[in-house]
C-alpha cells in the first residue's frame, strides 16, 4: 500500500459537519445511559456556534463526538464529507491533530514546558521540522498577546495567560474547527471577557468555532445557539442579538 491518506479529503460542496441521527449509549452496570438519543445537526464552514444544556443533557458527549474523542453508537458523522465511523484509531488521531483545535477549561498544559514548547506540541506530533515549528508557535503566541511570555512556564502565568497559551496551541496546526469546552470556566469575569474577545477574533479570521458552555452571557457571543436536553436538540436558533465585541490587546 502507499502512504497514509490525508486526514480528511475536502468535498466539493456540503457542510463542514453533518451529523445524522447520532446516538451514544453508555452501559453502566446493568443500566444504559442514552447520552445522545438521535441528534441531527449541520454546521457550516466559518460558523460560530454555542452548545448549551443542563448537566446530563449530552452537550459534552456531542462535543466529544465532533472532536473525534468518542464515536457514536449509531448514526452518521461526516466531517468535510468523509464518514468518521469508517476511520481507524490512527486516522482519528491524525484528524484530531490536524483538523481540530481543542481549548479546555483546565488548560491541559505541560507544567515543566515553557509556553513556546507547549504550543509546539501538535506540530511535533505532525512531524513539522523544528525551525518551522518554532516560527509557527511564536506567531500564534504573538496573535494571542503573549509575545513577552514565550519562555514562561504555566506556573509563572496567570489563568488568563495560560488559557491564551492553550488557544495558541489549538490554532498552531491551522485547524478548520476550534472546539472550546467551557473556556472561561476557571477564569474571573474580566479575564473571561478578554478570552471571549480573542475567540471572536479567531472566528473573524475564518475558523469555525464551537463553544460548549452553560453560561448564557458566554453563549451570547456566538451567532447560533443549540440547546440540548435529555440527549436531544431542544432548540437550534440564530442569535437575534449578541454580546458586544470587546477590543482585545491580542487582536490581529
C-alpha atoms as a PDB file:
ATOM      1  CA  UNK A   1       0.000   0.000   0.000  1.00  0.00           C
ATOM      2  CA  UNK A   2       1.027   3.611  -0.411  1.00  0.00           C
ATOM      3  CA  UNK A   3       1.457   6.029   2.494  1.00  0.00           C
ATOM      4  CA  UNK A   4      -1.443   7.134   4.692  1.00  0.00           C
ATOM      5  CA  UNK A   5      -4.174   9.153   3.080  1.00  0.00           C
ATOM      6  CA  UNK A   6      -4.782  12.756   4.143  1.00  0.00           C
ATOM      7  CA  UNK A   7      -6.746  13.112   7.362  1.00  0.00           C
ATOM      8  CA  UNK A   8      -9.962  14.227   5.675  1.00  0.00           C
ATOM      9  CA  UNK A   9     -10.362  14.980   1.961  1.00  0.00           C
ATOM     10  CA  UNK A  10     -12.318  18.155   1.274  1.00  0.00           C
ATOM     11  CA  UNK A  11     -15.524  17.645  -0.687  1.00  0.00           C
ATOM     12  CA  UNK A  12     -16.588  19.937  -3.483  1.00  0.00           C
ATOM     13  CA  UNK A  13     -19.675  21.049  -1.597  1.00  0.00           C
ATOM     14  CA  UNK A  14     -21.674  20.491   1.600  1.00  0.00           C
ATOM     15  CA  UNK A  15     -21.435  21.407   5.236  1.00  0.00           C
ATOM     16  CA  UNK A  16     -18.280  21.118   7.301  1.00  0.00           C
ATOM     17  CA  UNK A  17     -20.044  18.950   9.906  1.00  0.00           C
ATOM     18  CA  UNK A  18     -23.014  16.677   9.133  1.00  0.00           C
ATOM     19  CA  UNK A  19     -24.477  14.648  11.989  1.00  0.00           C
ATOM     20  CA  UNK A  20     -27.474  12.411  11.271  1.00  0.00           C
ATOM     21  CA  UNK A  21     -29.498  10.563  13.914  1.00  0.00           C
ATOM     22  CA  UNK A  22     -26.471  10.083  16.177  1.00  0.00           C
ATOM     23  CA  UNK A  23     -26.979   8.024  19.309  1.00  0.00           C
ATOM     24  CA  UNK A  24     -24.450   7.400  22.055  1.00  0.00           C
ATOM     25  CA  UNK A  25     -25.242   4.790  24.683  1.00  0.00           C
ATOM     26  CA  UNK A  26     -23.050   4.107  27.696  1.00  0.00           C
ATOM     27  CA  UNK A  27     -23.511   0.859  29.617  1.00  0.00           C
ATOM     28  CA  UNK A  28     -23.274   1.481  33.361  1.00  0.00           C
ATOM     29  CA  UNK A  29     -23.507  -1.933  35.016  1.00  0.00           C
ATOM     30  CA  UNK A  30     -26.918  -3.269  34.064  1.00  0.00           C
ATOM     31  CA  UNK A  31     -28.220   0.171  33.050  1.00  0.00           C
ATOM     32  CA  UNK A  32     -27.937   2.005  29.740  1.00  0.00           C
ATOM     33  CA  UNK A  33     -27.435   5.763  29.606  1.00  0.00           C
ATOM     34  CA  UNK A  34     -28.593   7.387  26.359  1.00  0.00           C
ATOM     35  CA  UNK A  35     -26.265  10.395  26.313  1.00  0.00           C
ATOM     36  CA  UNK A  36     -27.338  11.250  22.741  1.00  0.00           C
ATOM     37  CA  UNK A  37     -30.699   9.966  21.569  1.00  0.00           C
ATOM     38  CA  UNK A  38     -30.966  10.730  17.861  1.00  0.00           C
ATOM     39  CA  UNK A  39     -29.203  14.050  17.308  1.00  0.00           C
ATOM     40  CA  UNK A  40     -29.048  15.596  13.828  1.00  0.00           C
ATOM     41  CA  UNK A  41     -27.195  18.838  13.164  1.00  0.00           C
ATOM     42  CA  UNK A  42     -25.227  20.577  10.424  1.00  0.00           C
ATOM     43  CA  UNK A  43     -22.524  23.185  10.996  1.00  0.00           C
ATOM     44  CA  UNK A  44     -21.089  25.103   8.076  1.00  0.00           C
ATOM     45  CA  UNK A  45     -17.632  26.499   7.493  1.00  0.00           C
ATOM     46  CA  UNK A  46     -16.990  29.696   9.391  1.00  0.00           C
ATOM     47  CA  UNK A  47     -19.908  29.371  11.819  1.00  0.00           C
ATOM     48  CA  UNK A  48     -19.715  30.347  15.493  1.00  0.00           C
ATOM     49  CA  UNK A  49     -21.980  28.001  17.437  1.00  0.00           C
ATOM     50  CA  UNK A  50     -22.647  27.716  21.167  1.00  0.00           C
ATOM     51  CA  UNK A  51     -23.888  24.377  22.518  1.00  0.00           C
ATOM     52  CA  UNK A  52     -25.826  24.697  25.766  1.00  0.00           C
ATOM     53  CA  UNK A  53     -27.769  22.471  28.115  1.00  0.00           C
ATOM     54  CA  UNK A  54     -28.055  21.405  31.762  1.00  0.00           C
ATOM     55  CA  UNK A  55     -25.801  18.774  33.301  1.00  0.00           C
ATOM     56  CA  UNK A  56     -26.533  15.418  31.667  1.00  0.00           C
ATOM     57  CA  UNK A  57     -28.074  16.974  28.562  1.00  0.00           C
ATOM     58  CA  UNK A  58     -25.482  15.449  26.218  1.00  0.00           C
ATOM     59  CA  UNK A  59     -23.544  18.581  25.299  1.00  0.00           C
ATOM     60  CA  UNK A  60     -20.150  17.204  26.369  1.00  0.00           C
ATOM     61  CA  UNK A  61     -20.853  13.925  24.568  1.00  0.00           C
ATOM     62  CA  UNK A  62     -21.741  15.853  21.396  1.00  0.00           C
ATOM     63  CA  UNK A  63     -18.507  17.821  21.741  1.00  0.00           C
ATOM     64  CA  UNK A  64     -16.535  14.578  22.116  1.00  0.00           C
ATOM     65  CA  UNK A  65     -18.180  13.098  19.024  1.00  0.00           C
ATOM     66  CA  UNK A  66     -17.488  16.221  16.932  1.00  0.00           C
ATOM     67  CA  UNK A  67     -13.900  16.253  18.195  1.00  0.00           C
ATOM     68  CA  UNK A  68     -13.401  12.544  17.348  1.00  0.00           C
ATOM     69  CA  UNK A  69     -12.670  11.831  21.016  1.00  0.00           C
ATOM     70  CA  UNK A  70     -15.598   9.394  21.044  1.00  0.00           C
ATOM     71  CA  UNK A  71     -17.523   7.512  18.384  1.00  0.00           C
ATOM     72  CA  UNK A  72     -21.312   7.227  18.076  1.00  0.00           C
ATOM     73  CA  UNK A  73     -23.103   4.015  18.953  1.00  0.00           C
ATOM     74  CA  UNK A  74     -25.142   4.514  15.780  1.00  0.00           C
ATOM     75  CA  UNK A  75     -25.867   7.188  13.215  1.00  0.00           C
ATOM     76  CA  UNK A  76     -23.639   9.114  10.824  1.00  0.00           C
ATOM     77  CA  UNK A  77     -20.998  11.775  11.446  1.00  0.00           C
ATOM     78  CA  UNK A  78     -19.351  13.251   8.362  1.00  0.00           C
ATOM     79  CA  UNK A  79     -16.518  15.745   8.631  1.00  0.00           C
ATOM     80  CA  UNK A  80     -15.833  17.554   5.356  1.00  0.00           C
ATOM     81  CA  UNK A  81     -17.838  14.885   3.564  1.00  0.00           C
ATOM     82  CA  UNK A  82     -15.994  11.875   4.991  1.00  0.00           C
ATOM     83  CA  UNK A  83     -17.724   9.346   7.261  1.00  0.00           C
ATOM     84  CA  UNK A  84     -15.788   9.350  10.528  1.00  0.00           C
ATOM     85  CA  UNK A  85     -17.202   5.975  11.508  1.00  0.00           C
ATOM     86  CA  UNK A  86     -15.025   4.364   8.821  1.00  0.00           C
ATOM     87  CA  UNK A  87     -11.729   5.702  10.210  1.00  0.00           C
ATOM     88  CA  UNK A  88      -9.338   3.614  12.329  1.00  0.00           C
ATOM     89  CA  UNK A  89      -7.642   4.843  15.515  1.00  0.00           C
ATOM     90  CA  UNK A  90      -4.557   6.164  13.719  1.00  0.00           C
ATOM     91  CA  UNK A  91      -6.671   8.139  11.256  1.00  0.00           C
ATOM     92  CA  UNK A  92      -8.828   9.530  14.074  1.00  0.00           C
ATOM     93  CA  UNK A  93      -5.683  10.662  15.914  1.00  0.00           C
ATOM     94  CA  UNK A  94      -4.492  12.389  12.733  1.00  0.00           C
ATOM     95  CA  UNK A  95      -7.841  14.141  12.329  1.00  0.00           C
ATOM     96  CA  UNK A  96      -7.750  15.353  15.947  1.00  0.00           C
ATOM     97  CA  UNK A  97      -4.250  16.685  15.445  1.00  0.00           C
ATOM     98  CA  UNK A  98      -4.680  18.330  12.049  1.00  0.00           C
ATOM     99  CA  UNK A  99      -8.337  19.288  11.702  1.00  0.00           C
ATOM    100  CA  UNK A 100      -9.446  20.201  15.224  1.00  0.00           C
ATOM    101  CA  UNK A 101      -8.060  22.613  17.795  1.00  0.00           C
ATOM    102  CA  UNK A 102      -9.131  21.909  21.376  1.00  0.00           C
ATOM    103  CA  UNK A 103      -9.476  24.508  24.141  1.00  0.00           C
ATOM    104  CA  UNK A 104     -10.212  23.080  27.588  1.00  0.00           C
ATOM    105  CA  UNK A 105     -11.449  24.634  30.815  1.00  0.00           C
ATOM    106  CA  UNK A 106      -8.413  23.247  32.671  1.00  0.00           C
ATOM    107  CA  UNK A 107      -5.867  24.396  30.020  1.00  0.00           C
ATOM    108  CA  UNK A 108      -4.081  20.968  29.897  1.00  0.00           C
ATOM    109  CA  UNK A 109      -0.569  22.433  29.623  1.00  0.00           C
ATOM    110  CA  UNK A 110       2.664  20.579  30.374  1.00  0.00           C
ATOM    111  CA  UNK A 111       3.814  22.097  33.686  1.00  0.00           C
ATOM    112  CA  UNK A 112       7.563  21.752  33.050  1.00  0.00           C
ATOM    113  CA  UNK A 113       7.490  23.116  29.498  1.00  0.00           C
ATOM    114  CA  UNK A 114       7.501  26.809  28.641  1.00  0.00           C
ATOM    115  CA  UNK A 115       4.724  28.434  26.630  1.00  0.00           C
ATOM    116  CA  UNK A 116       6.586  28.087  23.346  1.00  0.00           C
ATOM    117  CA  UNK A 117       7.123  24.341  23.771  1.00  0.00           C
ATOM    118  CA  UNK A 118       3.511  23.792  24.871  1.00  0.00           C
ATOM    119  CA  UNK A 119       2.309  25.466  21.679  1.00  0.00           C
ATOM    120  CA  UNK A 120       4.749  23.454  19.552  1.00  0.00           C
ATOM    121  CA  UNK A 121       3.426  20.083  20.723  1.00  0.00           C
ATOM    122  CA  UNK A 122       0.796  19.469  17.999  1.00  0.00           C
ATOM    123  CA  UNK A 123       3.421  20.292  15.374  1.00  0.00           C
ATOM    124  CA  UNK A 124       5.851  17.781  16.883  1.00  0.00           C
ATOM    125  CA  UNK A 125       3.179  15.084  16.560  1.00  0.00           C
ATOM    126  CA  UNK A 126       2.599  16.202  12.953  1.00  0.00           C
ATOM    127  CA  UNK A 127       6.293  15.851  12.096  1.00  0.00           C
ATOM    128  CA  UNK A 128       6.827  19.543  11.280  1.00  0.00           C
ATOM    129  CA  UNK A 129      10.559  20.460  11.159  1.00  0.00           C
ATOM    130  CA  UNK A 130      11.983  22.230  14.210  1.00  0.00           C
ATOM    131  CA  UNK A 131      12.587  25.637  12.626  1.00  0.00           C
ATOM    132  CA  UNK A 132       9.066  25.844  11.179  1.00  0.00           C
ATOM    133  CA  UNK A 133       7.561  24.613  14.475  1.00  0.00           C
ATOM    134  CA  UNK A 134       9.146  27.398  16.459  1.00  0.00           C
ATOM    135  CA  UNK A 135       8.220  30.050  13.889  1.00  0.00           C
ATOM    136  CA  UNK A 136       4.569  28.974  13.866  1.00  0.00           C
ATOM    137  CA  UNK A 137       4.434  28.679  17.659  1.00  0.00           C
ATOM    138  CA  UNK A 138       5.869  32.195  18.031  1.00  0.00           C
ATOM    139  CA  UNK A 139       3.335  33.510  15.506  1.00  0.00           C
ATOM    140  CA  UNK A 140       0.436  32.039  17.495  1.00  0.00           C
ATOM    141  CA  UNK A 141       1.750  33.357  20.815  1.00  0.00           C
ATOM    142  CA  UNK A 142       2.063  36.810  19.260  1.00  0.00           C
ATOM    143  CA  UNK A 143      -1.507  36.503  17.953  1.00  0.00           C
ATOM    144  CA  UNK A 144      -2.770  35.681  21.444  1.00  0.00           C
ATOM    145  CA  UNK A 145      -0.861  38.547  23.069  1.00  0.00           C
ATOM    146  CA  UNK A 146       1.908  36.526  24.714  1.00  0.00           C
ATOM    147  CA  UNK A 147       4.980  37.608  22.749  1.00  0.00           C
ATOM    148  CA  UNK A 148       6.692  38.557  26.024  1.00  0.00           C
ATOM    149  CA  UNK A 149       5.764  35.331  27.858  1.00  0.00           C
ATOM    150  CA  UNK A 150       7.065  32.697  25.435  1.00  0.00           C
ATOM    151  CA  UNK A 151       9.662  31.291  27.812  1.00  0.00           C
ATOM    152  CA  UNK A 152       7.499  31.289  30.943  1.00  0.00           C
ATOM    153  CA  UNK A 153       6.190  28.029  32.372  1.00  0.00           C
ATOM    154  CA  UNK A 154       2.496  27.653  33.276  1.00  0.00           C
ATOM    155  CA  UNK A 155       3.122  28.280  36.989  1.00  0.00           C
ATOM    156  CA  UNK A 156       4.631  31.646  36.037  1.00  0.00           C
ATOM    157  CA  UNK A 157       1.495  32.702  34.134  1.00  0.00           C
ATOM    158  CA  UNK A 158      -1.930  33.913  35.223  1.00  0.00           C
ATOM    159  CA  UNK A 159      -5.047  31.875  34.476  1.00  0.00           C
ATOM    160  CA  UNK A 160      -5.876  34.096  31.513  1.00  0.00           C
ATOM    161  CA  UNK A 161      -2.344  33.807  30.140  1.00  0.00           C
ATOM    162  CA  UNK A 162      -2.448  30.018  30.473  1.00  0.00           C
ATOM    163  CA  UNK A 163      -5.711  29.954  28.545  1.00  0.00           C
ATOM    164  CA  UNK A 164      -4.098  32.111  25.845  1.00  0.00           C
ATOM    165  CA  UNK A 165      -1.280  29.555  25.586  1.00  0.00           C
ATOM    166  CA  UNK A 166      -3.920  26.830  25.218  1.00  0.00           C
ATOM    167  CA  UNK A 167      -5.655  28.836  22.475  1.00  0.00           C
ATOM    168  CA  UNK A 168      -2.339  29.366  20.670  1.00  0.00           C
ATOM    169  CA  UNK A 169      -1.733  25.604  20.852  1.00  0.00           C
ATOM    170  CA  UNK A 170      -5.232  24.959  19.456  1.00  0.00           C
ATOM    171  CA  UNK A 171      -4.524  27.222  16.469  1.00  0.00           C
ATOM    172  CA  UNK A 172      -0.951  26.259  15.627  1.00  0.00           C
ATOM    173  CA  UNK A 173      -1.882  23.413  13.264  1.00  0.00           C
ATOM    174  CA  UNK A 174      -4.274  25.748  11.394  1.00  0.00           C
ATOM    175  CA  UNK A 175      -7.350  23.621  12.134  1.00  0.00           C
ATOM    176  CA  UNK A 176     -10.670  24.001  10.357  1.00  0.00           C
ATOM    177  CA  UNK A 177     -12.567  23.661  13.671  1.00  0.00           C
ATOM    178  CA  UNK A 178     -11.871  25.136  17.109  1.00  0.00           C
ATOM    179  CA  UNK A 179     -13.708  23.341  19.935  1.00  0.00           C
ATOM    180  CA  UNK A 180     -13.850  25.312  23.176  1.00  0.00           C
ATOM    181  CA  UNK A 181     -15.158  23.440  26.231  1.00  0.00           C
ATOM    182  CA  UNK A 182     -16.138  25.919  28.986  1.00  0.00           C
ATOM    183  CA  UNK A 183     -13.107  28.096  28.050  1.00  0.00           C
ATOM    184  CA  UNK A 184     -13.828  30.710  30.739  1.00  0.00           C
ATOM    185  CA  UNK A 185     -14.884  28.306  33.483  1.00  0.00           C
ATOM    186  CA  UNK A 186     -11.701  28.751  35.558  1.00  0.00           C
ATOM    187  CA  UNK A 187     -11.297  32.475  34.938  1.00  0.00           C
ATOM    188  CA  UNK A 188     -12.550  35.627  36.615  1.00  0.00           C
ATOM    189  CA  UNK A 189     -15.173  37.610  34.743  1.00  0.00           C
ATOM    190  CA  UNK A 190     -12.783  40.277  33.378  1.00  0.00           C
ATOM    191  CA  UNK A 191     -10.350  37.695  32.047  1.00  0.00           C
ATOM    192  CA  UNK A 192     -13.279  35.699  30.664  1.00  0.00           C
ATOM    193  CA  UNK A 193     -14.380  38.712  28.621  1.00  0.00           C
ATOM    194  CA  UNK A 194     -10.855  39.037  27.213  1.00  0.00           C
ATOM    195  CA  UNK A 195     -10.791  35.352  26.217  1.00  0.00           C
ATOM    196  CA  UNK A 196     -14.178  35.666  24.516  1.00  0.00           C
ATOM    197  CA  UNK A 197     -12.899  38.683  22.582  1.00  0.00           C
ATOM    198  CA  UNK A 198      -9.947  36.581  21.453  1.00  0.00           C
ATOM    199  CA  UNK A 199     -12.305  33.800  20.296  1.00  0.00           C
ATOM    200  CA  UNK A 200     -14.273  36.411  18.342  1.00  0.00           C
ATOM    201  CA  UNK A 201     -11.048  37.438  16.603  1.00  0.00           C
ATOM    202  CA  UNK A 202     -10.296  33.794  15.811  1.00  0.00           C
ATOM    203  CA  UNK A 203     -13.750  33.421  14.278  1.00  0.00           C
ATOM    204  CA  UNK A 204     -13.241  36.612  12.271  1.00  0.00           C
ATOM    205  CA  UNK A 205     -10.058  35.060  10.810  1.00  0.00           C
ATOM    206  CA  UNK A 206     -12.187  32.295   9.280  1.00  0.00           C
ATOM    207  CA  UNK A 207     -12.195  29.488  11.840  1.00  0.00           C
ATOM    208  CA  UNK A 208     -15.324  27.533  12.659  1.00  0.00           C
ATOM    209  CA  UNK A 209     -15.771  27.918  16.420  1.00  0.00           C
ATOM    210  CA  UNK A 210     -17.925  25.556  18.502  1.00  0.00           C
ATOM    211  CA  UNK A 211     -18.326  26.590  22.108  1.00  0.00           C
ATOM    212  CA  UNK A 212     -19.739  24.413  24.891  1.00  0.00           C
ATOM    213  CA  UNK A 213     -20.979  26.414  27.865  1.00  0.00           C
ATOM    214  CA  UNK A 214     -23.697  26.536  30.500  1.00  0.00           C
ATOM    215  CA  UNK A 215     -23.426  30.333  30.849  1.00  0.00           C
ATOM    216  CA  UNK A 216     -25.886  32.495  28.926  1.00  0.00           C
ATOM    217  CA  UNK A 217     -23.554  35.507  28.798  1.00  0.00           C
ATOM    218  CA  UNK A 218     -20.797  33.386  27.235  1.00  0.00           C
ATOM    219  CA  UNK A 219     -23.175  31.809  24.702  1.00  0.00           C
ATOM    220  CA  UNK A 220     -24.313  35.324  23.763  1.00  0.00           C
ATOM    221  CA  UNK A 221     -21.010  35.807  21.906  1.00  0.00           C
ATOM    222  CA  UNK A 222     -21.922  33.091  19.372  1.00  0.00           C
ATOM    223  CA  UNK A 223     -24.035  33.607  16.258  1.00  0.00           C
ATOM    224  CA  UNK A 224     -26.099  30.459  16.762  1.00  0.00           C
ATOM    225  CA  UNK A 225     -27.174  28.615  19.917  1.00  0.00           C
ATOM    226  CA  UNK A 226     -28.011  24.901  20.020  1.00  0.00           C
ATOM    227  CA  UNK A 227     -29.728  23.762  23.237  1.00  0.00           C
ATOM    228  CA  UNK A 228     -29.741  20.119  24.294  1.00  0.00           C
ATOM    229  CA  UNK A 229     -31.915  18.366  26.851  1.00  0.00           C
ATOM    230  CA  UNK A 230     -32.016  14.643  27.663  1.00  0.00           C
ATOM    231  CA  UNK A 231     -29.831  13.769  24.692  1.00  0.00           C
ATOM    232  CA  UNK A 232     -31.984  15.609  22.156  1.00  0.00           C
ATOM    233  CA  UNK A 233     -31.807  19.005  20.480  1.00  0.00           C
ATOM    234  CA  UNK A 234     -34.385  21.179  22.207  1.00  0.00           C
ATOM    235  CA  UNK A 235     -33.784  24.228  20.017  1.00  0.00           C
ATOM    236  CA  UNK A 236     -31.378  25.458  17.337  1.00  0.00           C
ATOM    237  CA  UNK A 237     -31.627  29.156  16.601  1.00  0.00           C
ATOM    238  CA  UNK A 238     -29.525  32.017  15.268  1.00  0.00           C
ATOM    239  CA  UNK A 239     -28.779  34.769  17.767  1.00  0.00           C
ATOM    240  CA  UNK A 240     -31.031  37.763  17.296  1.00  0.00           C
ATOM    241  CA  UNK A 241     -28.684  39.849  19.435  1.00  0.00           C
ATOM    242  CA  UNK A 242     -25.149  39.106  20.520  1.00  0.00           C
ATOM    243  CA  UNK A 243     -22.814  40.284  23.235  1.00  0.00           C
ATOM    244  CA  UNK A 244     -20.977  43.451  22.124  1.00  0.00           C
ATOM    245  CA  UNK A 245     -17.492  42.935  20.750  1.00  0.00           C
ATOM    246  CA  UNK A 246     -14.790  43.788  23.266  1.00  0.00           C
ATOM    247  CA  UNK A 247     -11.476  45.083  21.911  1.00  0.00           C
ATOM    248  CA  UNK A 248      -8.617  42.755  22.774  1.00  0.00           C
ATOM    249  CA  UNK A 249      -4.946  43.564  23.179  1.00  0.00           C
ATOM    250  CA  UNK A 250      -4.305  40.392  21.211  1.00  0.00           C
ATOM    251  CA  UNK A 251      -6.404  41.361  18.226  1.00  0.00           C
ATOM    252  CA  UNK A 252      -4.626  40.540  14.967  1.00  0.00           C
END
